[in-house]
């Protein structure tokens, strides 16, 4: 399998994720909603789709957790948002740091950097979110990616 590109683009899902649902935050065999959301995002020229929850707070991607930088602070949605408690997310918070917060999905409009994290993506900078151009990986995204590259071998017993 080829490695993921260093950057990606994101589209906001047009319907919310139910953070109160019985399956919120769980990895299940039913990915139908994610498949539909990702297909819609790809139709709009993006490679990942990100959900807001019923409260309008930033939640998660179809296969990734979201991190973003506001006023120099790395943030990510809380687990109460309904996001999957991803292994990569947890390790990044432990190894690099960051603050878990519930904020409107509109916070990305004031973010200086955004990246996705997952087992398949590692740390992947977002260069465009809908019509918002974010540019290349910023200093915090680059530092988080470097931290991941340095620490990931520990997981593999190297």
N, C-alpha and C. Protein backbone atom coordinates (compact mmCIF):
# COMPACT_ATOMS: atom_id res chain seq x y z
N UNK A 1 0.84 -1.18 0.00
CA UNK A 1 0.00 0.00 0.00
C UNK A 1 0.88 1.24 0.00
N UNK A 2 0.57 2.18 -0.87
CA UNK A 2 1.33 3.42 -0.94
C UNK A 2 1.03 4.29 0.28
N UNK A 3 2.04 5.04 0.76
CA UNK A 3 1.78 5.93 1.89
C UNK A 3 0.83 7.05 1.48
N UNK A 4 0.12 7.58 2.47
CA UNK A 4 -0.79 8.70 2.23
C UNK A 4 0.03 9.93 1.84
N UNK A 5 -0.54 10.81 1.02
CA UNK A 5 0.14 12.08 0.75
C UNK A 5 0.28 12.89 2.03
N UNK A 6 1.23 13.81 2.04
CA UNK A 6 1.47 14.63 3.23
C UNK A 6 0.34 15.61 3.50
N UNK A 7 -0.45 15.93 2.47
CA UNK A 7 -1.55 16.89 2.64
C UNK A 7 -2.83 16.33 2.06
N UNK A 8 -3.95 16.95 2.44
CA UNK A 8 -5.26 16.51 1.96
C UNK A 8 -6.22 17.69 1.94
N UNK A 9 -7.40 17.45 1.39
CA UNK A 9 -8.46 18.44 1.37
C UNK A 9 -9.70 17.85 2.03
N UNK A 10 -10.53 18.73 2.60
CA UNK A 10 -11.67 18.30 3.40
C UNK A 10 -12.93 19.02 2.94
N UNK A 11 -14.05 18.31 3.01
CA UNK A 11 -15.37 18.91 2.80
C UNK A 11 -16.21 18.65 4.04
N UNK A 12 -17.00 19.63 4.42
CA UNK A 12 -17.90 19.47 5.56
C UNK A 12 -19.09 18.62 5.14
N UNK A 13 -19.42 17.63 5.94
CA UNK A 13 -20.58 16.78 5.68
C UNK A 13 -21.83 17.65 5.83
N UNK A 14 -22.79 17.44 4.94
CA UNK A 14 -23.99 18.29 4.89
C UNK A 14 -25.05 17.91 5.92
N UNK A 15 -24.83 16.87 6.71
CA UNK A 15 -25.75 16.47 7.78
C UNK A 15 -24.92 16.18 9.02
N UNK A 16 -25.54 16.26 10.21
CA UNK A 16 -24.77 16.10 11.45
C UNK A 16 -24.58 14.65 11.87
N UNK A 17 -23.57 14.45 12.70
CA UNK A 17 -23.33 13.17 13.38
C UNK A 17 -24.10 13.24 14.70
N UNK A 18 -24.85 12.21 15.03
CA UNK A 18 -25.60 12.20 16.29
C UNK A 18 -24.69 11.73 17.42
N UNK A 19 -24.20 12.69 18.20
CA UNK A 19 -23.29 12.37 19.29
C UNK A 19 -23.98 11.65 20.45
N UNK A 20 -25.32 11.62 20.43
CA UNK A 20 -26.08 10.94 21.49
C UNK A 20 -26.52 9.54 21.08
N UNK A 21 -26.26 9.15 19.84
CA UNK A 21 -26.69 7.85 19.33
C UNK A 21 -25.98 6.70 20.03
N UNK A 22 -26.59 5.55 19.96
CA UNK A 22 -26.05 4.36 20.62
C UNK A 22 -24.68 3.96 20.07
N UNK A 23 -24.38 4.32 18.84
CA UNK A 23 -23.12 3.92 18.22
C UNK A 23 -22.10 5.05 18.17
N UNK A 24 -22.42 6.20 18.76
CA UNK A 24 -21.49 7.34 18.74
C UNK A 24 -20.17 6.95 19.40
N UNK A 25 -19.07 7.26 18.74
CA UNK A 25 -17.75 6.98 19.30
C UNK A 25 -17.31 5.54 19.20
N UNK A 26 -18.11 4.70 18.54
CA UNK A 26 -17.75 3.28 18.41
C UNK A 26 -17.35 2.97 16.98
N UNK A 27 -16.38 2.09 16.85
CA UNK A 27 -16.01 1.58 15.52
C UNK A 27 -16.88 0.36 15.29
N UNK A 28 -17.78 0.45 14.31
CA UNK A 28 -18.72 -0.64 14.05
C UNK A 28 -18.56 -1.13 12.63
N UNK A 29 -19.28 -2.19 12.30
CA UNK A 29 -19.21 -2.72 10.94
C UNK A 29 -20.09 -1.94 9.98
N UNK A 30 -20.92 -1.04 10.47
CA UNK A 30 -21.79 -0.24 9.61
C UNK A 30 -21.14 1.11 9.32
N UNK A 31 -20.60 1.23 8.11
CA UNK A 31 -19.96 2.48 7.70
C UNK A 31 -20.77 3.19 6.62
N UNK A 32 -22.04 2.82 6.46
CA UNK A 32 -22.84 3.36 5.36
C UNK A 32 -22.86 4.88 5.36
N UNK A 33 -23.10 5.49 6.51
CA UNK A 33 -23.15 6.95 6.57
C UNK A 33 -21.81 7.56 6.16
N UNK A 34 -20.72 6.96 6.61
CA UNK A 34 -19.39 7.45 6.24
C UNK A 34 -19.13 7.28 4.74
N UNK A 35 -19.57 6.18 4.17
CA UNK A 35 -19.37 5.94 2.74
C UNK A 35 -20.10 7.00 1.92
N UNK A 36 -21.34 7.31 2.29
CA UNK A 36 -22.11 8.32 1.58
C UNK A 36 -21.47 9.70 1.74
N UNK A 37 -21.03 10.02 2.96
CA UNK A 37 -20.39 11.32 3.22
C UNK A 37 -19.10 11.45 2.43
N UNK A 38 -18.30 10.40 2.39
CA UNK A 38 -17.04 10.44 1.67
C UNK A 38 -17.26 10.56 0.16
N UNK A 39 -18.26 9.87 -0.36
CA UNK A 39 -18.58 9.98 -1.79
C UNK A 39 -18.99 11.41 -2.13
N UNK A 40 -19.79 12.03 -1.27
CA UNK A 40 -20.20 13.42 -1.49
C UNK A 40 -18.99 14.35 -1.45
N UNK A 41 -18.09 14.12 -0.50
CA UNK A 41 -16.88 14.95 -0.40
C UNK A 41 -16.03 14.81 -1.66
N UNK A 42 -15.90 13.60 -2.14
CA UNK A 42 -15.09 13.38 -3.36
C UNK A 42 -15.73 14.05 -4.57
N UNK A 43 -17.07 14.05 -4.62
CA UNK A 43 -17.77 14.77 -5.69
C UNK A 43 -17.48 16.27 -5.64
N UNK A 44 -17.13 16.76 -4.46
CA UNK A 44 -16.82 18.18 -4.27
C UNK A 44 -15.32 18.44 -4.29
N UNK A 45 -14.53 17.45 -4.69
CA UNK A 45 -13.10 17.64 -4.87
C UNK A 45 -12.26 17.46 -3.62
N UNK A 46 -12.82 16.84 -2.59
CA UNK A 46 -12.08 16.63 -1.34
C UNK A 46 -11.80 15.14 -1.15
N UNK A 47 -10.81 14.84 -0.32
CA UNK A 47 -10.46 13.43 -0.08
C UNK A 47 -10.92 12.93 1.29
N UNK A 48 -11.51 13.81 2.10
CA UNK A 48 -12.06 13.41 3.40
C UNK A 48 -13.27 14.28 3.69
N UNK A 49 -14.19 13.74 4.45
CA UNK A 49 -15.40 14.45 4.86
C UNK A 49 -15.39 14.55 6.38
N UNK A 50 -15.74 15.71 6.90
CA UNK A 50 -15.73 15.93 8.35
C UNK A 50 -17.13 16.32 8.81
N UNK A 51 -17.56 15.69 9.90
CA UNK A 51 -18.88 15.91 10.47
C UNK A 51 -18.86 16.96 11.58
N UNK A 52 -19.95 17.72 11.66
CA UNK A 52 -20.32 18.42 12.88
C UNK A 52 -21.30 17.49 13.59
N UNK A 53 -21.51 17.70 14.89
CA UNK A 53 -22.51 16.90 15.59
C UNK A 53 -23.83 17.68 15.67
N UNK A 54 -24.81 17.15 16.37
CA UNK A 54 -26.12 17.80 16.46
C UNK A 54 -26.04 19.19 17.09
N UNK A 55 -25.06 19.41 17.95
CA UNK A 55 -24.87 20.72 18.59
C UNK A 55 -24.14 21.70 17.67
N UNK A 56 -23.70 21.22 16.49
CA UNK A 56 -22.95 22.07 15.58
C UNK A 56 -21.47 22.13 15.89
N UNK A 57 -21.04 21.27 16.82
CA UNK A 57 -19.62 21.24 17.18
C UNK A 57 -18.84 20.34 16.22
N UNK A 58 -17.59 20.70 16.02
CA UNK A 58 -16.68 19.87 15.23
C UNK A 58 -16.63 18.48 15.85
N UNK A 59 -16.71 17.44 15.03
CA UNK A 59 -16.75 16.07 15.55
C UNK A 59 -15.58 15.23 15.02
N UNK A 60 -15.69 14.72 13.79
CA UNK A 60 -14.67 13.80 13.27
C UNK A 60 -14.80 13.66 11.77
N UNK A 61 -13.78 13.08 11.16
CA UNK A 61 -13.84 12.71 9.76
C UNK A 61 -14.41 11.32 9.60
N UNK A 62 -14.61 10.90 8.36
CA UNK A 62 -15.17 9.57 8.12
C UNK A 62 -14.21 8.47 8.55
N UNK A 63 -12.92 8.78 8.56
CA UNK A 63 -11.92 7.80 8.98
C UNK A 63 -10.76 8.45 9.67
N UNK A 64 -11.02 9.58 10.32
CA UNK A 64 -9.92 10.32 10.94
C UNK A 64 -10.43 11.20 12.07
N UNK A 65 -9.51 11.57 12.94
CA UNK A 65 -9.77 12.59 13.96
C UNK A 65 -9.20 13.91 13.47
N UNK A 66 -9.77 15.00 13.94
CA UNK A 66 -9.39 16.34 13.48
C UNK A 66 -8.66 17.07 14.59
N UNK A 67 -7.55 17.70 14.24
CA UNK A 67 -6.80 18.59 15.12
C UNK A 67 -6.71 19.94 14.42
N UNK A 68 -6.68 21.02 15.19
CA UNK A 68 -6.59 22.35 14.59
C UNK A 68 -5.89 23.29 15.55
N UNK A 69 -5.37 24.38 15.01
CA UNK A 69 -4.60 25.34 15.80
C UNK A 69 -5.31 26.69 15.77
N UNK A 70 -5.61 27.21 16.96
CA UNK A 70 -6.19 28.55 17.10
C UNK A 70 -5.35 29.29 18.13
N UNK A 71 -4.90 30.48 17.78
CA UNK A 71 -4.07 31.30 18.67
C UNK A 71 -2.86 30.52 19.19
N UNK A 72 -2.27 29.71 18.34
CA UNK A 72 -1.07 28.96 18.70
C UNK A 72 -1.31 27.72 19.54
N UNK A 73 -2.57 27.39 19.82
CA UNK A 73 -2.91 26.25 20.67
C UNK A 73 -3.48 25.11 19.83
N UNK A 74 -2.93 23.90 20.01
CA UNK A 74 -3.44 22.72 19.33
C UNK A 74 -4.68 22.22 20.05
N UNK A 75 -5.75 22.01 19.29
CA UNK A 75 -7.02 21.57 19.86
C UNK A 75 -7.58 20.39 19.05
N UNK A 76 -8.46 19.63 19.70
CA UNK A 76 -9.17 18.54 19.04
C UNK A 76 -10.51 18.38 19.75
N UNK A 77 -11.56 17.91 19.08
CA UNK A 77 -12.84 17.72 19.74
C UNK A 77 -12.75 16.72 20.90
N UNK A 78 -13.60 16.93 21.90
CA UNK A 78 -13.68 15.99 23.02
C UNK A 78 -14.35 14.70 22.56
N UNK A 79 -14.18 13.65 23.33
CA UNK A 79 -14.86 12.40 23.02
C UNK A 79 -16.37 12.56 23.15
N UNK A 80 -16.83 13.50 23.98
CA UNK A 80 -18.27 13.76 24.13
C UNK A 80 -18.88 14.29 22.84
N UNK A 81 -18.05 14.76 21.91
CA UNK A 81 -18.56 15.25 20.62
C UNK A 81 -19.13 14.11 19.78
N UNK A 82 -18.80 12.88 20.15
CA UNK A 82 -19.22 11.72 19.37
C UNK A 82 -18.13 11.17 18.49
N UNK A 83 -16.93 11.76 18.56
CA UNK A 83 -15.84 11.27 17.72
C UNK A 83 -15.32 9.93 18.22
N UNK A 84 -14.73 9.20 17.31
CA UNK A 84 -14.11 7.93 17.65
C UNK A 84 -12.87 8.19 18.51
N UNK A 85 -12.71 7.45 19.59
CA UNK A 85 -11.49 7.61 20.40
C UNK A 85 -10.31 6.91 19.72
N UNK A 86 -9.84 7.50 18.65
CA UNK A 86 -8.80 6.88 17.83
C UNK A 86 -7.50 6.68 18.58
N UNK A 87 -6.81 5.62 18.24
CA UNK A 87 -5.51 5.31 18.85
C UNK A 87 -4.50 6.39 18.51
N UNK A 88 -4.45 6.81 17.25
CA UNK A 88 -3.51 7.85 16.83
C UNK A 88 -3.82 9.15 17.55
N UNK A 89 -5.10 9.49 17.67
CA UNK A 89 -5.52 10.69 18.41
C UNK A 89 -5.00 10.65 19.84
N UNK A 90 -5.24 9.53 20.52
CA UNK A 90 -4.83 9.39 21.92
C UNK A 90 -3.32 9.50 22.07
N UNK A 91 -2.59 8.85 21.18
CA UNK A 91 -1.12 8.91 21.27
C UNK A 91 -0.59 10.30 20.98
N UNK A 92 -1.17 11.00 20.01
CA UNK A 92 -0.74 12.37 19.74
C UNK A 92 -0.99 13.27 20.94
N UNK A 93 -2.14 13.12 21.58
CA UNK A 93 -2.42 13.92 22.77
C UNK A 93 -1.43 13.61 23.88
N UNK A 94 -1.07 12.34 24.04
CA UNK A 94 -0.11 11.94 25.07
C UNK A 94 1.30 12.42 24.72
N UNK A 95 1.72 12.20 23.50
CA UNK A 95 3.10 12.48 23.11
C UNK A 95 3.35 13.95 22.79
N UNK A 96 2.41 14.59 22.10
CA UNK A 96 2.64 15.97 21.66
C UNK A 96 1.86 16.99 22.49
N UNK A 97 0.70 16.59 22.96
CA UNK A 97 -0.14 17.52 23.72
C UNK A 97 -1.26 18.06 22.87
N UNK A 98 -2.03 18.94 23.47
CA UNK A 98 -3.20 19.51 22.82
C UNK A 98 -4.33 19.57 23.82
N UNK A 99 -5.33 20.35 23.50
CA UNK A 99 -6.46 20.52 24.41
C UNK A 99 -7.73 20.01 23.74
N UNK A 100 -8.50 19.22 24.48
CA UNK A 100 -9.78 18.73 23.99
C UNK A 100 -10.85 19.76 24.31
N UNK A 101 -11.58 20.19 23.27
CA UNK A 101 -12.61 21.22 23.44
C UNK A 101 -13.80 20.92 22.55
N UNK A 102 -14.96 21.42 22.96
CA UNK A 102 -16.15 21.39 22.12
C UNK A 102 -16.35 22.79 21.57
N UNK A 103 -16.20 22.94 20.26
CA UNK A 103 -16.35 24.23 19.61
C UNK A 103 -17.13 24.05 18.32
N UNK A 104 -17.79 25.11 17.90
CA UNK A 104 -18.51 25.10 16.64
C UNK A 104 -17.59 24.67 15.51
N UNK A 105 -18.13 23.96 14.55
CA UNK A 105 -17.33 23.57 13.39
C UNK A 105 -16.79 24.81 12.67
N UNK A 106 -17.43 25.95 12.87
CA UNK A 106 -16.97 27.19 12.25
C UNK A 106 -15.61 27.63 12.77
N UNK A 107 -15.13 27.03 13.87
CA UNK A 107 -13.82 27.39 14.41
C UNK A 107 -12.72 27.18 13.38
N UNK A 108 -12.93 26.26 12.45
CA UNK A 108 -11.89 26.03 11.44
C UNK A 108 -11.64 27.28 10.60
N UNK A 109 -12.62 28.16 10.52
CA UNK A 109 -12.46 29.41 9.75
C UNK A 109 -11.42 30.32 10.40
N UNK A 110 -11.21 30.16 11.72
CA UNK A 110 -10.20 30.98 12.40
C UNK A 110 -8.93 30.19 12.72
N UNK A 111 -8.88 28.95 12.27
CA UNK A 111 -7.70 28.11 12.53
C UNK A 111 -6.57 28.48 11.57
N UNK A 112 -5.37 28.50 12.12
CA UNK A 112 -4.20 28.75 11.27
C UNK A 112 -3.67 27.46 10.65
N UNK A 113 -4.00 26.33 11.28
CA UNK A 113 -3.58 25.02 10.78
C UNK A 113 -4.66 24.01 11.12
N UNK A 114 -4.80 23.00 10.28
CA UNK A 114 -5.69 21.87 10.53
C UNK A 114 -4.96 20.62 10.05
N UNK A 115 -5.07 19.54 10.83
CA UNK A 115 -4.57 18.26 10.33
C UNK A 115 -5.48 17.13 10.77
N UNK A 116 -5.41 16.04 10.02
CA UNK A 116 -6.15 14.83 10.33
C UNK A 116 -5.19 13.81 10.91
N UNK A 117 -5.70 12.95 11.76
CA UNK A 117 -4.88 11.90 12.36
C UNK A 117 -5.64 10.58 12.31
N UNK A 118 -4.94 9.54 11.89
CA UNK A 118 -5.52 8.20 11.90
C UNK A 118 -4.40 7.19 11.68
N UNK A 119 -4.73 5.93 11.84
CA UNK A 119 -3.74 4.88 11.65
C UNK A 119 -3.23 4.86 10.21
N UNK A 120 -4.10 5.15 9.26
CA UNK A 120 -3.67 5.13 7.86
C UNK A 120 -3.08 6.46 7.40
N UNK A 121 -3.50 7.56 8.00
CA UNK A 121 -3.02 8.88 7.59
C UNK A 121 -1.83 9.36 8.41
N UNK A 122 -1.62 8.80 9.60
CA UNK A 122 -0.67 9.36 10.57
C UNK A 122 -1.08 10.81 10.83
N UNK A 123 -0.21 11.78 10.58
CA UNK A 123 -0.55 13.21 10.71
C UNK A 123 -0.56 13.77 9.30
N UNK A 124 -1.72 14.24 8.85
CA UNK A 124 -1.87 14.71 7.47
C UNK A 124 -2.45 16.12 7.46
N UNK A 125 -1.66 17.07 6.98
CA UNK A 125 -2.08 18.47 6.94
C UNK A 125 -3.25 18.67 5.98
N UNK A 126 -4.18 19.52 6.38
CA UNK A 126 -5.30 19.90 5.52
C UNK A 126 -4.94 21.23 4.86
N UNK A 127 -4.95 21.24 3.53
CA UNK A 127 -4.60 22.47 2.80
C UNK A 127 -5.84 23.25 2.34
N UNK A 128 -6.99 22.55 2.26
CA UNK A 128 -8.24 23.24 1.91
C UNK A 128 -9.38 22.55 2.62
N UNK A 129 -10.28 23.36 3.18
CA UNK A 129 -11.50 22.86 3.83
C UNK A 129 -12.65 23.61 3.20
N UNK A 130 -13.48 22.92 2.45
CA UNK A 130 -14.53 23.57 1.65
C UNK A 130 -13.87 24.65 0.80
N UNK A 131 -14.24 25.91 1.00
CA UNK A 131 -13.65 27.00 0.21
C UNK A 131 -12.53 27.73 0.94
N UNK A 132 -12.14 27.24 2.11
CA UNK A 132 -11.09 27.87 2.91
C UNK A 132 -9.72 27.29 2.55
N UNK A 133 -8.84 28.14 2.06
CA UNK A 133 -7.48 27.72 1.74
C UNK A 133 -6.61 27.87 2.99
N UNK A 134 -5.94 26.79 3.38
CA UNK A 134 -5.12 26.78 4.59
C UNK A 134 -3.63 26.77 4.30
N UNK A 135 -3.24 26.58 3.07
CA UNK A 135 -1.81 26.54 2.74
C UNK A 135 -1.18 25.22 3.14
N UNK A 136 0.13 25.22 3.19
CA UNK A 136 0.88 24.01 3.51
C UNK A 136 0.88 23.71 4.99
N UNK A 137 1.53 22.63 5.38
CA UNK A 137 1.62 22.31 6.80
C UNK A 137 2.29 23.44 7.56
N UNK A 138 1.68 23.86 8.66
CA UNK A 138 2.24 24.91 9.50
C UNK A 138 3.22 24.33 10.50
N UNK A 139 3.79 25.19 11.36
CA UNK A 139 4.82 24.73 12.29
C UNK A 139 4.32 23.73 13.33
N UNK A 140 3.10 23.88 13.80
CA UNK A 140 2.59 22.93 14.81
C UNK A 140 2.26 21.60 14.16
N UNK A 141 1.64 21.63 12.99
CA UNK A 141 1.38 20.39 12.25
C UNK A 141 2.68 19.67 11.94
N UNK A 142 3.67 20.42 11.49
CA UNK A 142 4.97 19.82 11.16
C UNK A 142 5.62 19.21 12.40
N UNK A 143 5.53 19.90 13.53
CA UNK A 143 6.11 19.38 14.77
C UNK A 143 5.37 18.14 15.25
N UNK A 144 4.04 18.14 15.13
CA UNK A 144 3.25 16.96 15.53
C UNK A 144 3.59 15.77 14.63
N UNK A 145 3.75 16.03 13.33
CA UNK A 145 4.11 14.96 12.40
C UNK A 145 5.50 14.41 12.72
N UNK A 146 6.42 15.29 13.04
CA UNK A 146 7.78 14.87 13.40
C UNK A 146 7.76 14.04 14.68
N UNK A 147 6.99 14.49 15.66
CA UNK A 147 6.84 13.75 16.91
C UNK A 147 6.30 12.35 16.62
N UNK A 148 5.28 12.27 15.76
CA UNK A 148 4.70 10.98 15.40
C UNK A 148 5.74 10.07 14.75
N UNK A 149 6.48 10.61 13.78
CA UNK A 149 7.49 9.80 13.08
C UNK A 149 8.57 9.29 14.05
N UNK A 150 8.93 10.12 15.02
CA UNK A 150 9.97 9.71 15.98
C UNK A 150 9.47 8.67 16.97
N UNK A 151 8.20 8.78 17.37
CA UNK A 151 7.68 7.90 18.42
C UNK A 151 6.98 6.65 17.90
N UNK A 152 6.48 6.67 16.66
CA UNK A 152 5.75 5.53 16.12
C UNK A 152 6.54 4.22 16.18
N UNK A 153 7.86 4.22 15.93
CA UNK A 153 8.60 2.95 16.02
C UNK A 153 8.48 2.26 17.39
N UNK A 154 8.24 3.03 18.45
CA UNK A 154 8.04 2.43 19.77
C UNK A 154 6.87 1.46 19.76
N UNK A 155 5.84 1.78 18.97
CA UNK A 155 4.66 0.93 18.90
C UNK A 155 4.95 -0.38 18.19
N UNK A 156 5.97 -0.35 17.35
CA UNK A 156 6.33 -1.52 16.56
C UNK A 156 7.47 -2.31 17.19
N UNK A 157 7.86 -1.91 18.41
CA UNK A 157 8.92 -2.60 19.12
C UNK A 157 10.31 -2.35 18.57
N UNK A 158 10.48 -1.20 17.92
CA UNK A 158 11.80 -0.87 17.35
C UNK A 158 12.53 0.10 18.22
